[in-house]
Protein backbone atom coordinates (compact mmCIF):
# COMPACT_ATOMS: atom_id res chain seq x y z
CA UNK A 1 79.30 75.04 -25.41
CA UNK A 2 76.14 76.30 -25.23
CA UNK A 3 75.82 77.05 -28.72
CA UNK A 4 77.00 74.19 -30.27
CA UNK A 5 73.55 72.45 -28.81
CA UNK A 6 70.98 71.80 -31.49
CA UNK A 7 68.18 72.74 -29.15
CA UNK A 8 65.94 75.68 -28.42
CA UNK A 9 67.52 77.94 -26.10
CA UNK A 10 65.61 79.40 -22.93
CA UNK A 11 65.91 81.82 -21.08
CA UNK A 12 64.39 81.56 -16.97
CA UNK A 13 64.73 84.35 -14.56
CA UNK A 14 66.22 83.99 -10.68
CA UNK A 15 63.81 84.66 -8.11
CA UNK A 16 65.47 85.10 -4.88
CA UNK A 17 63.31 86.59 -2.23
CA UNK A 18 63.68 87.69 1.49
CA UNK A 19 65.51 90.23 3.80
CA UNK A 20 69.20 89.23 1.93
CA UNK A 21 68.12 90.29 -1.81
CA UNK A 22 69.47 92.59 -2.45
CA UNK A 23 73.19 90.95 -1.22
CA UNK A 24 72.36 88.39 -3.41
CA UNK A 25 72.17 90.34 -6.08
CA UNK A 26 75.04 92.26 -6.00
CA UNK A 27 77.78 90.06 -4.52
CA UNK A 28 76.10 86.46 -5.90
CA UNK A 29 78.18 84.71 -8.95
CA UNK A 30 75.12 83.46 -10.17
CA UNK A 31 74.14 84.94 -12.57
CA UNK A 32 70.23 86.18 -12.47
CA UNK A 33 69.00 85.24 -16.27
CA UNK A 34 70.25 81.75 -17.62
CA UNK A 35 69.84 80.12 -21.23
CA UNK A 36 68.84 76.70 -21.08
CA UNK A 37 68.80 73.96 -23.68
CA UNK A 38 68.43 70.12 -24.15
CA UNK A 39 71.67 68.58 -22.77
CA UNK A 40 73.05 71.64 -21.37
CA UNK A 41 75.56 70.63 -18.19
CA UNK A 42 73.92 71.98 -14.95
CA UNK A 43 75.85 71.94 -10.69
CA UNK A 44 74.04 73.41 -7.94
CA UNK A 45 74.53 75.73 -6.52
CA UNK A 46 73.41 75.54 -3.13
CA UNK A 47 72.66 72.70 -0.50
CA UNK A 48 68.95 72.01 -1.32
CA UNK A 49 69.12 67.92 0.37
CA UNK A 50 71.95 66.90 1.95
CA UNK A 51 70.21 63.14 2.29
CA UNK A 52 69.61 63.40 -1.51
CA UNK A 53 73.10 64.64 -2.30
CA UNK A 54 71.48 67.91 -4.27
CA UNK A 55 74.41 70.47 -2.70
CA UNK A 56 76.16 72.60 -3.84
CA UNK A 57 78.27 71.53 -6.64
CA UNK A 58 76.70 68.21 -8.41
CA UNK A 59 76.47 68.26 -11.94
CA UNK A 60 73.44 67.50 -14.00
CA UNK A 61 72.08 67.44 -17.32
CA UNK A 62 68.75 69.14 -18.78
CA UNK A 63 67.01 66.13 -20.11
CA UNK A 64 63.26 66.89 -21.20
CA UNK A 65 61.45 70.21 -19.67
CA UNK A 66 57.54 69.19 -16.99
CA UNK A 67 54.91 71.00 -15.95
CA UNK A 68 54.74 71.90 -12.15
CA UNK A 69 51.48 69.24 -11.83
CA UNK A 70 53.87 66.28 -13.39
CA UNK A 71 56.29 67.63 -11.22
CA UNK A 72 54.30 67.60 -7.26
CA UNK A 73 52.58 64.14 -9.22
CA UNK A 74 55.97 62.62 -9.20
CA UNK A 75 57.74 64.19 -5.78
CA UNK A 76 60.23 66.52 -7.70
CA UNK A 77 62.12 69.41 -6.63
CA UNK A 78 61.49 72.44 -7.93
CA UNK A 79 61.74 76.29 -7.44
CA UNK A 80 58.88 78.08 -6.81
CA UNK A 81 56.57 79.79 -9.55
CA UNK A 82 56.73 81.93 -11.16
CA UNK A 83 55.35 84.40 -14.36
CA UNK A 84 55.29 82.67 -18.20
CA UNK A 85 58.66 84.89 -19.30
CA UNK A 86 58.22 84.75 -23.00
CA UNK A 87 61.00 82.13 -24.61
CA UNK A 88 60.42 79.89 -21.85
CA UNK A 89 57.95 76.66 -22.77
CA UNK A 90 54.55 76.71 -21.76
CA UNK A 91 52.80 74.39 -21.29
CA UNK A 92 47.94 74.70 -21.94
CA UNK A 93 49.38 78.77 -19.72
CA UNK A 94 51.39 76.96 -16.91
CA UNK A 95 54.97 77.82 -16.90
CA UNK A 96 57.27 74.44 -17.84
CA UNK A 97 60.31 73.71 -15.41
CA UNK A 98 63.66 72.29 -16.53
CA UNK A 99 64.05 68.24 -15.39
CA UNK A 100 68.49 67.35 -14.52
CA UNK A 101 68.98 63.99 -14.16
């Protein structure tokens, strides 16, 4: 289905850390690399904030890409800072994060 979306595709890579990093990489069903497009449906595979209903299985849709500064100003949750990756949208040298609703 992703290939049917007319938008440009961008790749994102997992950045697992901590003592369970190796176990996660070896046994996790979630791929270490994903490709996203505007309009792509995504699903959480980890509980992030039960009060905000951001739990395993929650689905959303990619509606845009935003800079970290915008996320912080609007108190939006985002992943850890990651170095720029070829093919990932950039804004003034900073990584853009997918915005999901």
